[in-house]
Amino acid sequence: MTVRQIQVTFDCADPKRVALFWCEVLGYIVPPPPPGFEDWDAFEASLPAEVHGSAFACVDPNGVGPRLFFQRVPEGKTVKNRVHLDVRVGTGMVGAERLAALEAECARLEKLGAIRLYLQEADGANESCLTMADVEGNEFCLD
């Protein structure tokens, strides 16, 4: 069986804004523009006006994680995500140490525009997890 690489696609209103938020969250970078273009602004200027600002992407600089693609859609978010990202900040930690790591990352991300939604505290079977929303309301977890 062949292992396939994936791209995670976000529907959003402002692709560049959401992409740059996720770059900060994950340590991702904006990939270089296509050959022949000095930067992404120059590339976008070469496109028809109706598609300006319609898409943006970011990538793992180490080439390990999936590419994230952000596409503009006309409708806003109305219900809970069916799929979400878990940002692994507490891997291997338990109890108070894990909770402190989650809270520290939550505070950092709130400064970037994320919103804290709720904390699921450890229950004996599962460790603590903190649910947040990105700059356009897409839920994700600090795990």
N, C-alpha and C. Protein backbone atom coordinates (compact mmCIF):
# COMPACT_ATOMS: atom_id res chain seq x y z
N MET A 1 0.84 -1.18 0.00
CA MET A 1 0.00 0.00 0.00
C MET A 1 0.89 1.25 0.00
N THR A 2 0.51 2.24 -0.76
CA THR A 2 1.25 3.49 -0.85
C THR A 2 0.77 4.45 0.23
N VAL A 3 1.70 5.05 0.94
CA VAL A 3 1.38 6.09 1.92
C VAL A 3 1.25 7.40 1.16
N ARG A 4 0.18 8.10 1.38
CA ARG A 4 -0.08 9.37 0.69
C ARG A 4 0.22 10.55 1.60
N GLN A 5 0.77 11.59 1.03
CA GLN A 5 0.92 12.84 1.75
C GLN A 5 -0.42 13.56 1.73
N ILE A 6 -0.65 14.40 2.72
CA ILE A 6 -1.90 15.16 2.75
C ILE A 6 -1.62 16.66 2.80
N GLN A 7 -2.62 17.39 2.40
CA GLN A 7 -2.67 18.83 2.57
C GLN A 7 -3.93 19.09 3.38
N VAL A 8 -3.84 19.96 4.36
CA VAL A 8 -5.02 20.33 5.14
C VAL A 8 -5.52 21.65 4.58
N THR A 9 -6.80 21.68 4.18
CA THR A 9 -7.37 22.88 3.56
C THR A 9 -8.38 23.52 4.49
N PHE A 10 -8.25 24.83 4.65
CA PHE A 10 -9.16 25.62 5.48
C PHE A 10 -10.01 26.50 4.57
N ASP A 11 -11.31 26.48 4.73
CA ASP A 11 -12.19 27.46 4.11
C ASP A 11 -12.18 28.68 5.03
N CYS A 12 -12.07 29.87 4.44
CA CYS A 12 -11.99 31.07 5.28
C CYS A 12 -12.35 32.31 4.48
N ALA A 13 -12.44 33.43 5.16
CA ALA A 13 -12.74 34.71 4.51
C ALA A 13 -11.47 35.43 4.07
N ASP A 14 -10.40 35.31 4.87
CA ASP A 14 -9.16 36.03 4.60
C ASP A 14 -7.99 35.05 4.65
N PRO A 15 -7.71 34.37 3.53
CA PRO A 15 -6.69 33.32 3.52
C PRO A 15 -5.32 33.74 4.04
N LYS A 16 -4.84 34.89 3.65
CA LYS A 16 -3.50 35.30 4.08
C LYS A 16 -3.47 35.50 5.60
N ARG A 17 -4.46 36.15 6.14
CA ARG A 17 -4.51 36.40 7.60
C ARG A 17 -4.52 35.09 8.37
N VAL A 18 -5.35 34.14 7.95
CA VAL A 18 -5.44 32.87 8.66
C VAL A 18 -4.15 32.07 8.48
N ALA A 19 -3.57 32.08 7.28
CA ALA A 19 -2.31 31.37 7.05
C ALA A 19 -1.19 31.91 7.92
N LEU A 20 -1.08 33.23 8.01
CA LEU A 20 -0.01 33.82 8.81
C LEU A 20 -0.21 33.52 10.30
N PHE A 21 -1.46 33.45 10.75
CA PHE A 21 -1.74 33.02 12.13
C PHE A 21 -1.18 31.61 12.35
N TRP A 22 -1.51 30.68 11.44
CA TRP A 22 -1.07 29.30 11.61
C TRP A 22 0.45 29.17 11.46
N CYS A 23 1.09 30.03 10.68
CA CYS A 23 2.56 30.04 10.62
C CYS A 23 3.13 30.29 12.02
N GLU A 24 2.55 31.25 12.72
CA GLU A 24 3.00 31.57 14.07
C GLU A 24 2.71 30.45 15.05
N VAL A 25 1.55 29.82 14.94
CA VAL A 25 1.17 28.73 15.84
C VAL A 25 2.13 27.56 15.69
N LEU A 26 2.40 27.16 14.45
CA LEU A 26 3.11 25.91 14.18
C LEU A 26 4.59 26.07 13.84
N GLY A 27 5.06 27.30 13.66
CA GLY A 27 6.44 27.48 13.22
C GLY A 27 6.60 27.21 11.73
N TYR A 28 5.49 27.26 10.99
CA TYR A 28 5.50 27.07 9.54
C TYR A 28 5.98 28.35 8.87
N ILE A 29 6.23 28.23 7.57
CA ILE A 29 6.68 29.38 6.77
C ILE A 29 5.83 29.48 5.50
N VAL A 30 5.86 30.64 4.91
CA VAL A 30 5.24 30.84 3.60
C VAL A 30 6.24 30.32 2.57
N PRO A 31 5.82 29.42 1.68
CA PRO A 31 6.77 28.88 0.69
C PRO A 31 7.20 29.97 -0.29
N PRO A 32 8.31 29.73 -0.98
CA PRO A 32 8.74 30.72 -1.97
C PRO A 32 7.74 30.85 -3.10
N PRO A 33 7.68 32.02 -3.74
CA PRO A 33 6.76 32.20 -4.86
C PRO A 33 7.19 31.37 -6.06
N PRO A 34 6.30 31.22 -7.04
CA PRO A 34 6.66 30.47 -8.25
C PRO A 34 7.87 31.10 -8.95
N PRO A 35 8.60 30.30 -9.70
CA PRO A 35 9.75 30.84 -10.45
C PRO A 35 9.33 32.03 -11.32
N GLY A 36 10.21 33.02 -11.35
CA GLY A 36 9.96 34.20 -12.17
C GLY A 36 9.28 35.33 -11.42
N PHE A 37 8.94 35.11 -10.14
CA PHE A 37 8.29 36.14 -9.34
C PHE A 37 9.13 36.44 -8.11
N GLU A 38 9.33 37.72 -7.85
CA GLU A 38 10.15 38.15 -6.71
C GLU A 38 9.48 37.80 -5.39
N ASP A 39 8.15 37.93 -5.34
CA ASP A 39 7.42 37.63 -4.12
C ASP A 39 5.97 37.28 -4.48
N TRP A 40 5.18 36.92 -3.45
CA TRP A 40 3.79 36.52 -3.69
C TRP A 40 2.93 37.69 -4.18
N ASP A 41 3.27 38.92 -3.76
CA ASP A 41 2.52 40.08 -4.24
C ASP A 41 2.68 40.24 -5.75
N ALA A 42 3.89 40.03 -6.24
CA ALA A 42 4.14 40.12 -7.69
C ALA A 42 3.38 39.01 -8.42
N PHE A 43 3.37 37.81 -7.85
CA PHE A 43 2.62 36.71 -8.47
C PHE A 43 1.14 37.05 -8.52
N GLU A 44 0.61 37.53 -7.39
CA GLU A 44 -0.83 37.85 -7.34
C GLU A 44 -1.19 38.95 -8.33
N ALA A 45 -0.29 39.92 -8.50
CA ALA A 45 -0.55 41.01 -9.46
C ALA A 45 -0.67 40.48 -10.89
N SER A 46 -0.10 39.31 -11.15
CA SER A 46 -0.17 38.73 -12.50
C SER A 46 -1.50 38.00 -12.75
N LEU A 47 -2.29 37.84 -11.72
CA LEU A 47 -3.55 37.10 -11.82
C LEU A 47 -4.73 38.05 -12.06
N PRO A 48 -5.84 37.55 -12.54
CA PRO A 48 -7.04 38.40 -12.68
C PRO A 48 -7.47 38.97 -11.32
N ALA A 49 -7.96 40.17 -11.33
CA ALA A 49 -8.33 40.86 -10.09
C ALA A 49 -9.32 40.07 -9.24
N GLU A 50 -10.22 39.34 -9.89
CA GLU A 50 -11.26 38.62 -9.12
C GLU A 50 -10.70 37.48 -8.26
N VAL A 51 -9.46 37.06 -8.49
CA VAL A 51 -8.89 36.00 -7.66
C VAL A 51 -7.86 36.52 -6.65
N HIS A 52 -7.62 37.84 -6.66
CA HIS A 52 -6.68 38.39 -5.69
C HIS A 52 -7.16 38.07 -4.28
N GLY A 53 -6.25 37.60 -3.44
CA GLY A 53 -6.57 37.29 -2.05
C GLY A 53 -7.39 36.03 -1.85
N SER A 54 -7.53 35.20 -2.89
CA SER A 54 -8.42 34.04 -2.78
C SER A 54 -7.76 32.80 -2.19
N ALA A 55 -6.44 32.81 -2.08
CA ALA A 55 -5.76 31.62 -1.55
C ALA A 55 -4.40 31.98 -0.99
N PHE A 56 -3.95 31.16 -0.06
CA PHE A 56 -2.62 31.34 0.54
C PHE A 56 -2.23 29.99 1.12
N ALA A 57 -0.95 29.76 1.31
CA ALA A 57 -0.50 28.48 1.86
C ALA A 57 0.67 28.69 2.80
N CYS A 58 0.92 27.69 3.63
CA CYS A 58 2.12 27.67 4.45
C CYS A 58 2.60 26.23 4.57
N VAL A 59 3.89 26.08 4.85
CA VAL A 59 4.50 24.75 4.88
C VAL A 59 5.42 24.60 6.08
N ASP A 60 5.65 23.36 6.45
CA ASP A 60 6.61 23.02 7.47
C ASP A 60 8.01 23.24 6.88
N PRO A 61 8.85 24.09 7.50
CA PRO A 61 10.17 24.33 6.93
C PRO A 61 11.06 23.09 6.91
N ASN A 62 10.72 22.07 7.72
CA ASN A 62 11.49 20.84 7.75
C ASN A 62 10.94 19.79 6.79
N GLY A 63 9.81 20.09 6.13
CA GLY A 63 9.22 19.17 5.18
C GLY A 63 8.57 17.94 5.79
N VAL A 64 8.27 17.98 7.08
CA VAL A 64 7.69 16.83 7.76
C VAL A 64 6.17 16.91 7.82
N GLY A 65 5.65 18.05 8.27
CA GLY A 65 4.21 18.22 8.43
C GLY A 65 3.51 18.50 7.12
N PRO A 66 2.19 18.38 7.12
CA PRO A 66 1.44 18.63 5.88
C PRO A 66 1.42 20.11 5.50
N ARG A 67 1.27 20.36 4.23
CA ARG A 67 1.06 21.72 3.73
C ARG A 67 -0.32 22.15 4.19
N LEU A 68 -0.45 23.41 4.58
CA LEU A 68 -1.75 23.99 4.93
C LEU A 68 -2.15 24.94 3.81
N PHE A 69 -3.36 24.78 3.31
CA PHE A 69 -3.86 25.61 2.21
C PHE A 69 -5.12 26.32 2.70
N PHE A 70 -5.23 27.60 2.41
CA PHE A 70 -6.33 28.44 2.87
C PHE A 70 -7.01 29.02 1.64
N GLN A 71 -8.32 28.76 1.53
CA GLN A 71 -9.05 29.23 0.36
C GLN A 71 -10.25 30.07 0.80
N ARG A 72 -10.43 31.16 0.08
CA ARG A 72 -11.56 32.05 0.38
C ARG A 72 -12.86 31.41 -0.09
N VAL A 73 -13.85 31.45 0.79
CA VAL A 73 -15.19 30.98 0.45
C VAL A 73 -16.18 32.09 0.83
N PRO A 74 -17.33 32.15 0.16
CA PRO A 74 -18.27 33.24 0.43
C PRO A 74 -19.02 33.11 1.76
N GLU A 75 -19.24 31.89 2.21
CA GLU A 75 -20.02 31.72 3.43
C GLU A 75 -19.11 31.71 4.66
N GLY A 76 -19.66 32.17 5.79
CA GLY A 76 -18.93 32.15 7.04
C GLY A 76 -19.09 30.82 7.75
N LYS A 77 -18.30 30.62 8.77
CA LYS A 77 -18.38 29.40 9.58
C LYS A 77 -19.65 29.47 10.42
N THR A 78 -20.41 28.38 10.44
CA THR A 78 -21.67 28.41 11.18
C THR A 78 -21.79 27.32 12.24
N VAL A 79 -21.07 26.23 12.12
CA VAL A 79 -21.18 25.14 13.09
C VAL A 79 -19.78 24.65 13.48
N LYS A 80 -19.75 23.75 14.45
CA LYS A 80 -18.50 23.17 14.91
C LYS A 80 -17.80 22.44 13.77
N ASN A 81 -16.46 22.55 13.76
CA ASN A 81 -15.66 21.80 12.79
C ASN A 81 -15.92 20.31 12.92
N ARG A 82 -15.94 19.60 11.81
CA ARG A 82 -16.00 18.13 11.85
C ARG A 82 -14.60 17.55 11.98
N VAL A 83 -13.58 18.29 11.55
CA VAL A 83 -12.19 17.90 11.68
C VAL A 83 -11.46 19.10 12.28
N HIS A 84 -10.51 18.85 13.14
CA HIS A 84 -9.74 19.95 13.71
C HIS A 84 -8.29 19.52 13.90
N LEU A 85 -7.42 20.49 14.11
CA LEU A 85 -6.02 20.20 14.39
C LEU A 85 -5.81 20.11 15.89
N ASP A 86 -4.96 19.18 16.31
CA ASP A 86 -4.47 19.12 17.68
C ASP A 86 -3.03 19.60 17.64
N VAL A 87 -2.76 20.70 18.32
CA VAL A 87 -1.40 21.24 18.40
C VAL A 87 -0.75 20.61 19.62
N ARG A 88 0.25 19.80 19.40
CA ARG A 88 0.85 18.96 20.44
C ARG A 88 1.87 19.73 21.27
N VAL A 89 1.43 20.37 22.32
CA VAL A 89 2.34 21.14 23.18
C VAL A 89 2.63 20.45 24.50
N GLY A 90 1.85 19.43 24.85
CA GLY A 90 2.04 18.76 26.13
C GLY A 90 2.44 17.31 26.01
N THR A 91 2.97 16.92 24.87
CA THR A 91 3.33 15.52 24.64
C THR A 91 4.29 15.02 25.72
N GLY A 92 3.93 13.90 26.33
CA GLY A 92 4.76 13.29 27.36
C GLY A 92 4.60 13.89 28.74
N MET A 93 3.85 14.96 28.85
CA MET A 93 3.64 15.61 30.15
C MET A 93 2.32 15.16 30.75
N VAL A 94 2.26 15.17 32.08
CA VAL A 94 1.04 14.81 32.78
C VAL A 94 0.77 15.81 33.90
N GLY A 95 -0.47 15.81 34.37
CA GLY A 95 -0.83 16.60 35.53
C GLY A 95 -0.55 18.08 35.40
N ALA A 96 -0.01 18.65 36.48
CA ALA A 96 0.24 20.10 36.57
C ALA A 96 1.23 20.58 35.52
N GLU A 97 2.24 19.75 35.21
CA GLU A 97 3.23 20.14 34.21
C GLU A 97 2.56 20.31 32.84
N ARG A 98 1.70 19.38 32.48
CA ARG A 98 0.99 19.45 31.20
C ARG A 98 0.05 20.66 31.17
N LEU A 99 -0.69 20.84 32.22
CA LEU A 99 -1.62 21.97 32.30
C LEU A 99 -0.88 23.29 32.18
N ALA A 100 0.27 23.41 32.82
CA ALA A 100 1.07 24.64 32.72
C ALA A 100 1.53 24.89 31.28
N ALA A 101 1.92 23.83 30.58
CA ALA A 101 2.35 23.97 29.18
C ALA A 101 1.18 24.42 28.31
N LEU A 102 0.00 23.82 28.53
CA LEU A 102 -1.18 24.21 27.76
C LEU A 102 -1.54 25.67 28.02
N GLU A 103 -1.52 26.07 29.28
CA GLU A 103 -1.89 27.45 29.63
C GLU A 103 -0.89 28.45 29.07
N ALA A 104 0.40 28.12 29.09
CA ALA A 104 1.42 29.02 28.54
C ALA A 104 1.22 29.20 27.03
N GLU A 105 0.95 28.10 26.33
CA GLU A 105 0.73 28.20 24.88
C GLU A 105 -0.57 28.94 24.59
N CYS A 106 -1.59 28.72 25.39
CA CYS A 106 -2.85 29.44 25.23
C CYS A 106 -2.62 30.94 25.34
N ALA A 107 -1.87 31.37 26.34
CA ALA A 107 -1.59 32.80 26.52
C ALA A 107 -0.84 33.36 25.31
N ARG A 108 0.12 32.61 24.76
CA ARG A 108 0.86 33.07 23.58
C ARG A 108 -0.07 33.22 22.38
N LEU A 109 -0.94 32.24 22.18
CA LEU A 109 -1.82 32.26 21.02
C LEU A 109 -2.93 33.31 21.15
N GLU A 110 -3.37 33.59 22.36
CA GLU A 110 -4.36 34.66 22.53
C GLU A 110 -3.80 36.00 22.08
N LYS A 111 -2.51 36.21 22.27
CA LYS A 111 -1.86 37.45 21.81
C LYS A 111 -1.85 37.54 20.28
N LEU A 112 -1.96 36.39 19.61
CA LEU A 112 -1.99 36.35 18.14
C LEU A 112 -3.41 36.46 17.59
N GLY A 113 -4.40 36.47 18.49
CA GLY A 113 -5.79 36.58 18.05
C GLY A 113 -6.64 35.34 18.28
N ALA A 114 -6.05 34.27 18.81
CA ALA A 114 -6.83 33.06 19.11
C ALA A 114 -7.76 33.33 20.30
N ILE A 115 -8.80 32.54 20.40
CA ILE A 115 -9.76 32.67 21.50
C ILE A 115 -9.81 31.35 22.26
N ARG A 116 -9.67 31.46 23.57
CA ARG A 116 -9.79 30.29 24.44
C ARG A 116 -11.28 29.93 24.53
N LEU A 117 -11.61 28.66 24.29
CA LEU A 117 -13.00 28.22 24.38
C LEU A 117 -13.27 27.47 25.68
N TYR A 118 -12.56 26.37 25.93
CA TYR A 118 -12.77 25.65 27.19
C TYR A 118 -11.63 24.67 27.44
N LEU A 119 -11.47 24.34 28.73
CA LEU A 119 -10.46 23.39 29.17
C LEU A 119 -11.15 22.09 29.53
N GLN A 120 -10.65 21.00 28.99
CA GLN A 120 -11.10 19.67 29.39
C GLN A 120 -10.02 19.15 30.34
N GLU A 121 -10.34 19.12 31.62
CA GLU A 121 -9.35 18.71 32.61
C GLU A 121 -9.17 17.20 32.62
N ALA A 122 -7.98 16.77 33.05
CA ALA A 122 -7.68 15.34 33.14
C ALA A 122 -8.76 14.65 33.97
N ASP A 123 -9.13 13.44 33.52
CA ASP A 123 -10.22 12.72 34.19
C ASP A 123 -9.85 11.31 34.64
N GLY A 124 -8.56 11.02 34.68
CA GLY A 124 -8.13 9.68 35.06
C GLY A 124 -7.87 8.79 33.86
N ALA A 125 -8.59 8.99 32.77
CA ALA A 125 -8.37 8.22 31.55
C ALA A 125 -7.66 9.06 30.49
N ASN A 126 -7.96 10.37 30.46
CA ASN A 126 -7.38 11.29 29.48
C ASN A 126 -6.71 12.44 30.19
N GLU A 127 -5.63 12.92 29.60
CA GLU A 127 -4.95 14.10 30.14
C GLU A 127 -5.69 15.36 29.70
N SER A 128 -5.32 16.48 30.29
CA SER A 128 -5.96 17.76 29.98
C SER A 128 -5.76 18.16 28.52
N CYS A 129 -6.74 18.87 27.98
CA CYS A 129 -6.73 19.36 26.61
C CYS A 129 -7.44 20.72 26.63
N LEU A 130 -6.92 21.69 25.90
CA LEU A 130 -7.51 23.02 25.90
C LEU A 130 -8.01 23.34 24.49
N THR A 131 -9.29 23.62 24.34
CA THR A 131 -9.88 23.92 23.03
C THR A 131 -9.88 25.43 22.81
N MET A 132 -9.45 25.82 21.60
CA MET A 132 -9.36 27.22 21.23
C MET A 132 -9.97 27.42 19.84
N ALA A 133 -10.07 28.67 19.43
CA ALA A 133 -10.51 29.01 18.07
C ALA A 133 -9.47 29.93 17.44
N ASP A 134 -9.22 29.75 16.14
CA ASP A 134 -8.26 30.61 15.45
C ASP A 134 -8.90 31.96 15.14
N VAL A 135 -8.22 32.77 14.36
CA VAL A 135 -8.66 34.14 14.08
C VAL A 135 -9.97 34.23 13.30
N GLU A 136 -10.45 33.11 12.73
CA GLU A 136 -11.75 33.09 12.05
C GLU A 136 -12.73 32.12 12.71
N GLY A 137 -12.40 31.64 13.90
CA GLY A 137 -13.34 30.81 14.64
C GLY A 137 -13.22 29.31 14.44
N ASN A 138 -12.21 28.84 13.69
CA ASN A 138 -12.01 27.41 13.51
C ASN A 138 -11.44 26.81 14.80
N GLU A 139 -12.11 25.80 15.34
CA GLU A 139 -11.66 25.19 16.57
C GLU A 139 -10.40 24.36 16.36
N PHE A 140 -9.55 24.37 17.39
CA PHE A 140 -8.38 23.50 17.44
C PHE A 140 -8.08 23.24 18.91
N CYS A 141 -7.31 22.21 19.16
CA CYS A 141 -6.99 21.85 20.54
C CYS A 141 -5.50 21.99 20.81
N LEU A 142 -5.19 22.43 22.01
CA LEU A 142 -3.84 22.31 22.53
C LEU A 142 -3.83 21.01 23.29
N ASP A 143 -3.00 20.09 22.86
CA ASP A 143 -3.01 18.73 23.37
C ASP A 143 -1.68 18.41 24.00
